[in-house]
Amino acid sequence: MARIPEVFGPTVDEHTRCVHYVTELDIIAIRFACCDRYYPCHLCHSETADHPAQQWPREKFDQPAILCGNCWTEMTIETYKSVDECPECCAAFNPRCAAHSELYFDSK
């Protein structure tokens, strides 16, 4: 059986929701490029990591870096950016996460 990645930061439930984002749609965690650790959001990383966050460079968008908090499937950044729901379990993702995309992924 595959290992379920650990999610760091102040999570509030088993679906990777955190103290900052708690809607039904807030069910992803992002593996940060700088530390190779999953966090629910940029605020969780900022509050608990001992270093500044780094964006994923475009040339690494094929790396698994997004975790569905419903079924624990890991997906690439390319996949995540092209869907509105998990390709494995069809759980909907929060479309408002796109507003923070530049905090996680190079947009140039």
N, C-alpha and C. Protein backbone atom coordinates (compact mmCIF):
# COMPACT_ATOMS: atom_id res chain seq x y z
N MET A 1 0.83 -1.18 0.00
CA MET A 1 0.00 0.00 0.00
C MET A 1 0.88 1.25 0.00
N ALA A 2 0.46 2.25 -0.77
CA ALA A 2 1.24 3.47 -0.88
C ALA A 2 1.21 4.26 0.44
N ARG A 3 2.30 4.92 0.70
CA ARG A 3 2.42 5.76 1.90
C ARG A 3 1.62 7.04 1.70
N ILE A 4 0.83 7.41 2.69
CA ILE A 4 0.08 8.66 2.66
C ILE A 4 1.03 9.76 3.12
N PRO A 5 1.21 10.79 2.29
CA PRO A 5 2.13 11.87 2.68
C PRO A 5 1.65 12.60 3.93
N GLU A 6 2.59 13.05 4.72
CA GLU A 6 2.27 13.85 5.90
C GLU A 6 1.99 15.29 5.46
N VAL A 7 1.00 15.91 6.07
CA VAL A 7 0.66 17.30 5.80
C VAL A 7 1.02 18.11 7.04
N PHE A 8 1.85 19.13 6.84
CA PHE A 8 2.34 19.95 7.94
C PHE A 8 1.50 21.21 8.09
N GLY A 9 1.60 21.84 9.24
CA GLY A 9 0.86 23.06 9.48
C GLY A 9 -0.39 22.80 10.30
N PRO A 10 -1.13 23.85 10.62
CA PRO A 10 -2.30 23.73 11.49
C PRO A 10 -3.55 23.20 10.77
N THR A 11 -3.53 21.91 10.46
CA THR A 11 -4.69 21.30 9.82
C THR A 11 -5.80 21.13 10.85
N VAL A 12 -7.04 21.14 10.36
CA VAL A 12 -8.18 21.03 11.27
C VAL A 12 -9.00 19.77 11.06
N ASP A 13 -8.72 19.03 9.97
CA ASP A 13 -9.43 17.78 9.76
C ASP A 13 -8.62 16.84 8.87
N GLU A 14 -9.16 15.67 8.60
CA GLU A 14 -8.46 14.65 7.82
C GLU A 14 -8.48 14.90 6.32
N HIS A 15 -9.04 16.03 5.89
CA HIS A 15 -9.10 16.36 4.47
C HIS A 15 -8.16 17.51 4.10
N THR A 16 -7.19 17.78 4.93
CA THR A 16 -6.14 18.80 4.77
C THR A 16 -6.64 20.23 4.92
N ARG A 17 -7.86 20.42 5.40
CA ARG A 17 -8.29 21.80 5.66
C ARG A 17 -7.44 22.35 6.80
N CYS A 18 -7.27 23.66 6.78
CA CYS A 18 -6.44 24.29 7.81
C CYS A 18 -7.21 25.41 8.50
N VAL A 19 -6.55 26.05 9.44
CA VAL A 19 -7.21 27.12 10.19
C VAL A 19 -7.50 28.34 9.31
N HIS A 20 -6.86 28.42 8.14
CA HIS A 20 -7.04 29.57 7.25
C HIS A 20 -8.13 29.36 6.20
N TYR A 21 -8.26 28.13 5.72
CA TYR A 21 -9.21 27.81 4.63
C TYR A 21 -9.98 26.56 5.03
N VAL A 22 -11.28 26.71 5.29
CA VAL A 22 -12.05 25.60 5.86
C VAL A 22 -13.35 25.30 5.13
N THR A 23 -13.51 25.77 3.89
CA THR A 23 -14.75 25.46 3.18
C THR A 23 -14.74 24.00 2.73
N GLU A 24 -15.87 23.52 2.30
CA GLU A 24 -15.98 22.14 1.79
C GLU A 24 -15.04 21.91 0.61
N LEU A 25 -14.70 22.96 -0.13
CA LEU A 25 -13.85 22.83 -1.31
C LEU A 25 -12.36 22.93 -1.02
N ASP A 26 -11.99 23.27 0.19
CA ASP A 26 -10.58 23.45 0.54
C ASP A 26 -9.97 22.12 0.97
N ILE A 27 -9.72 21.28 -0.03
CA ILE A 27 -9.27 19.91 0.28
C ILE A 27 -7.97 19.53 -0.40
N ILE A 28 -7.15 20.49 -0.75
CA ILE A 28 -5.85 20.11 -1.31
C ILE A 28 -4.73 20.59 -0.41
N ALA A 29 -3.61 19.92 -0.52
CA ALA A 29 -2.38 20.37 0.11
C ALA A 29 -1.35 20.48 -1.01
N ILE A 30 -0.41 21.37 -0.83
CA ILE A 30 0.61 21.64 -1.84
C ILE A 30 1.97 21.27 -1.29
N ARG A 31 2.70 20.49 -2.07
CA ARG A 31 4.09 20.16 -1.70
C ARG A 31 4.94 21.36 -2.11
N PHE A 32 5.53 22.00 -1.14
CA PHE A 32 6.31 23.21 -1.43
C PHE A 32 7.66 22.84 -2.02
N ALA A 33 8.04 23.56 -3.07
CA ALA A 33 9.27 23.29 -3.79
C ALA A 33 10.50 23.47 -2.90
N CYS A 34 10.42 24.37 -1.95
CA CYS A 34 11.56 24.72 -1.11
C CYS A 34 11.91 23.64 -0.08
N CYS A 35 10.94 22.88 0.37
CA CYS A 35 11.21 21.95 1.48
C CYS A 35 10.66 20.55 1.25
N ASP A 36 9.99 20.34 0.13
CA ASP A 36 9.47 19.01 -0.20
C ASP A 36 8.47 18.51 0.85
N ARG A 37 7.73 19.44 1.46
CA ARG A 37 6.72 19.09 2.46
C ARG A 37 5.37 19.63 2.02
N TYR A 38 4.33 18.85 2.30
CA TYR A 38 2.97 19.29 2.00
C TYR A 38 2.45 20.20 3.11
N TYR A 39 1.84 21.31 2.68
CA TYR A 39 1.13 22.23 3.57
C TYR A 39 -0.22 22.53 2.94
N PRO A 40 -1.24 22.81 3.76
CA PRO A 40 -2.56 23.15 3.20
C PRO A 40 -2.57 24.47 2.44
N CYS A 41 -1.72 25.43 2.86
CA CYS A 41 -1.74 26.73 2.19
C CYS A 41 -0.45 27.49 2.46
N HIS A 42 -0.32 28.62 1.78
CA HIS A 42 0.87 29.47 1.92
C HIS A 42 0.98 30.04 3.33
N LEU A 43 -0.14 30.31 3.97
CA LEU A 43 -0.10 30.86 5.34
C LEU A 43 0.41 29.82 6.33
N CYS A 44 -0.02 28.59 6.16
CA CYS A 44 0.47 27.50 7.02
C CYS A 44 1.99 27.37 6.89
N HIS A 45 2.48 27.40 5.66
CA HIS A 45 3.93 27.32 5.44
C HIS A 45 4.62 28.51 6.09
N SER A 46 4.11 29.69 5.86
CA SER A 46 4.72 30.91 6.40
C SER A 46 4.79 30.89 7.93
N GLU A 47 3.75 30.36 8.55
CA GLU A 47 3.68 30.35 10.02
C GLU A 47 4.49 29.24 10.67
N THR A 48 4.77 28.16 9.96
CA THR A 48 5.40 27.02 10.62
C THR A 48 6.75 26.60 10.06
N ALA A 49 7.08 26.99 8.84
CA ALA A 49 8.37 26.63 8.26
C ALA A 49 9.43 27.64 8.72
N ASP A 50 10.67 27.22 8.70
CA ASP A 50 11.75 28.10 9.13
C ASP A 50 12.49 28.76 7.96
N HIS A 51 11.79 28.89 6.84
CA HIS A 51 12.38 29.45 5.63
C HIS A 51 11.27 30.05 4.76
N PRO A 52 11.62 30.93 3.84
CA PRO A 52 10.61 31.48 2.94
C PRO A 52 10.19 30.46 1.88
N ALA A 53 8.96 30.58 1.43
CA ALA A 53 8.45 29.69 0.38
C ALA A 53 9.09 30.03 -0.96
N GLN A 54 9.21 29.02 -1.80
CA GLN A 54 9.69 29.20 -3.17
C GLN A 54 8.65 28.68 -4.13
N GLN A 55 8.52 29.34 -5.26
CA GLN A 55 7.59 28.90 -6.31
C GLN A 55 8.15 27.67 -7.02
N TRP A 56 7.21 26.86 -7.51
CA TRP A 56 7.61 25.77 -8.40
C TRP A 56 7.96 26.37 -9.75
N PRO A 57 9.14 26.07 -10.32
CA PRO A 57 9.45 26.57 -11.66
C PRO A 57 8.65 25.80 -12.72
N ARG A 58 8.34 26.48 -13.80
CA ARG A 58 7.53 25.88 -14.88
C ARG A 58 8.08 24.53 -15.36
N GLU A 59 9.40 24.42 -15.42
CA GLU A 59 9.99 23.19 -15.94
C GLU A 59 9.78 21.99 -15.01
N LYS A 60 9.22 22.23 -13.83
CA LYS A 60 8.94 21.14 -12.90
C LYS A 60 7.44 20.95 -12.66
N PHE A 61 6.61 21.52 -13.51
CA PHE A 61 5.16 21.36 -13.37
C PHE A 61 4.72 19.92 -13.62
N ASP A 62 5.63 19.06 -14.09
CA ASP A 62 5.30 17.65 -14.30
C ASP A 62 5.57 16.82 -13.03
N GLN A 63 5.94 17.47 -11.94
CA GLN A 63 6.22 16.80 -10.67
C GLN A 63 4.95 16.64 -9.85
N PRO A 64 4.78 15.53 -9.15
CA PRO A 64 3.63 15.41 -8.24
C PRO A 64 3.81 16.38 -7.08
N ALA A 65 2.88 17.32 -6.94
CA ALA A 65 3.03 18.35 -5.91
C ALA A 65 1.69 18.77 -5.31
N ILE A 66 0.61 18.13 -5.72
CA ILE A 66 -0.71 18.47 -5.20
C ILE A 66 -1.32 17.20 -4.63
N LEU A 67 -1.88 17.31 -3.44
CA LEU A 67 -2.47 16.17 -2.76
C LEU A 67 -3.97 16.42 -2.56
N CYS A 68 -4.79 15.51 -3.06
CA CYS A 68 -6.22 15.59 -2.82
C CYS A 68 -6.48 15.13 -1.39
N GLY A 69 -7.10 15.98 -0.61
CA GLY A 69 -7.39 15.65 0.77
C GLY A 69 -8.60 14.75 0.94
N ASN A 70 -9.27 14.44 -0.14
CA ASN A 70 -10.41 13.52 -0.06
C ASN A 70 -9.96 12.07 -0.24
N CYS A 71 -9.16 11.82 -1.29
CA CYS A 71 -8.74 10.43 -1.57
C CYS A 71 -7.24 10.23 -1.43
N TRP A 72 -6.49 11.28 -1.17
CA TRP A 72 -5.04 11.25 -0.97
C TRP A 72 -4.25 10.91 -2.22
N THR A 73 -4.84 11.19 -3.37
CA THR A 73 -4.13 11.03 -4.63
C THR A 73 -3.19 12.20 -4.84
N GLU A 74 -1.97 11.90 -5.25
CA GLU A 74 -1.03 12.95 -5.63
C GLU A 74 -1.15 13.19 -7.13
N MET A 75 -1.10 14.46 -7.50
CA MET A 75 -1.16 14.79 -8.93
C MET A 75 -0.09 15.82 -9.25
N THR A 76 0.23 15.91 -10.53
CA THR A 76 1.21 16.90 -10.96
C THR A 76 0.58 18.28 -10.94
N ILE A 77 1.42 19.27 -10.98
CA ILE A 77 0.95 20.65 -11.06
C ILE A 77 0.19 20.85 -12.36
N GLU A 78 0.70 20.30 -13.46
CA GLU A 78 0.01 20.40 -14.75
C GLU A 78 -1.41 19.87 -14.65
N THR A 79 -1.56 18.70 -14.07
CA THR A 79 -2.89 18.11 -13.92
C THR A 79 -3.78 19.00 -13.08
N TYR A 80 -3.28 19.40 -11.91
CA TYR A 80 -4.07 20.23 -11.01
C TYR A 80 -4.55 21.51 -11.69
N LYS A 81 -3.66 22.15 -12.43
CA LYS A 81 -4.01 23.42 -13.07
C LYS A 81 -5.00 23.24 -14.22
N SER A 82 -5.22 22.01 -14.65
CA SER A 82 -6.11 21.77 -15.79
C SER A 82 -7.47 21.18 -15.40
N VAL A 83 -7.71 20.98 -14.11
CA VAL A 83 -8.96 20.36 -13.66
C VAL A 83 -9.64 21.20 -12.58
N ASP A 84 -10.92 20.95 -12.36
CA ASP A 84 -11.67 21.60 -11.29
C ASP A 84 -12.02 20.63 -10.17
N GLU A 85 -11.66 19.37 -10.38
CA GLU A 85 -11.95 18.33 -9.39
C GLU A 85 -10.87 17.26 -9.49
N CYS A 86 -10.79 16.45 -8.48
CA CYS A 86 -9.79 15.38 -8.46
C CYS A 86 -10.07 14.40 -9.59
N PRO A 87 -9.06 14.07 -10.40
CA PRO A 87 -9.27 13.11 -11.48
C PRO A 87 -9.53 11.69 -10.97
N GLU A 88 -9.21 11.43 -9.71
CA GLU A 88 -9.41 10.09 -9.14
C GLU A 88 -10.78 9.93 -8.48
N CYS A 89 -11.15 10.87 -7.60
CA CYS A 89 -12.39 10.70 -6.82
C CYS A 89 -13.48 11.71 -7.17
N CYS A 90 -13.17 12.65 -8.05
CA CYS A 90 -14.13 13.68 -8.52
C CYS A 90 -14.54 14.69 -7.44
N ALA A 91 -13.80 14.77 -6.34
CA ALA A 91 -14.08 15.79 -5.33
C ALA A 91 -13.73 17.16 -5.92
N ALA A 92 -14.63 18.11 -5.76
CA ALA A 92 -14.43 19.46 -6.31
C ALA A 92 -13.36 20.21 -5.54
N PHE A 93 -12.57 20.99 -6.28
CA PHE A 93 -11.55 21.85 -5.69
C PHE A 93 -12.04 23.29 -5.66
N ASN A 94 -11.50 24.08 -4.77
CA ASN A 94 -11.90 25.47 -4.65
C ASN A 94 -11.35 26.29 -5.82
N PRO A 95 -12.22 26.83 -6.67
CA PRO A 95 -11.73 27.61 -7.81
C PRO A 95 -11.04 28.90 -7.38
N ARG A 96 -11.31 29.34 -6.17
CA ARG A 96 -10.67 30.58 -5.70
C ARG A 96 -9.19 30.38 -5.39
N CYS A 97 -8.72 29.14 -5.34
CA CYS A 97 -7.30 28.89 -5.13
C CYS A 97 -6.46 29.50 -6.25
N ALA A 98 -7.04 29.66 -7.41
CA ALA A 98 -6.33 30.26 -8.54
C ALA A 98 -5.85 31.67 -8.21
N ALA A 99 -6.53 32.34 -7.30
CA ALA A 99 -6.14 33.69 -6.91
C ALA A 99 -4.78 33.71 -6.21
N HIS A 100 -4.36 32.58 -5.67
CA HIS A 100 -3.07 32.49 -4.97
C HIS A 100 -2.04 31.71 -5.76
N SER A 101 -2.34 31.37 -6.98
CA SER A 101 -1.48 30.50 -7.78
C SER A 101 -0.04 31.02 -7.87
N GLU A 102 0.14 32.33 -8.01
CA GLU A 102 1.48 32.89 -8.15
C GLU A 102 2.33 32.71 -6.88
N LEU A 103 1.69 32.42 -5.76
CA LEU A 103 2.46 32.16 -4.53
C LEU A 103 3.12 30.78 -4.57
N TYR A 104 2.56 29.89 -5.36
CA TYR A 104 3.04 28.51 -5.41
C TYR A 104 3.78 28.15 -6.71
N PHE A 105 3.29 28.71 -7.82
CA PHE A 105 3.76 28.30 -9.14
C PHE A 105 4.24 29.50 -9.95
N ASP A 106 5.37 29.32 -10.63
CA ASP A 106 5.89 30.37 -11.50
C ASP A 106 4.85 30.68 -12.57
N SER A 107 4.51 31.94 -12.73
CA SER A 107 3.47 32.31 -13.71
C SER A 107 4.05 33.00 -14.93
N LYS A 108 5.37 33.05 -15.02
CA LYS A 108 6.01 33.72 -16.17
C LYS A 108 6.09 32.81 -17.36
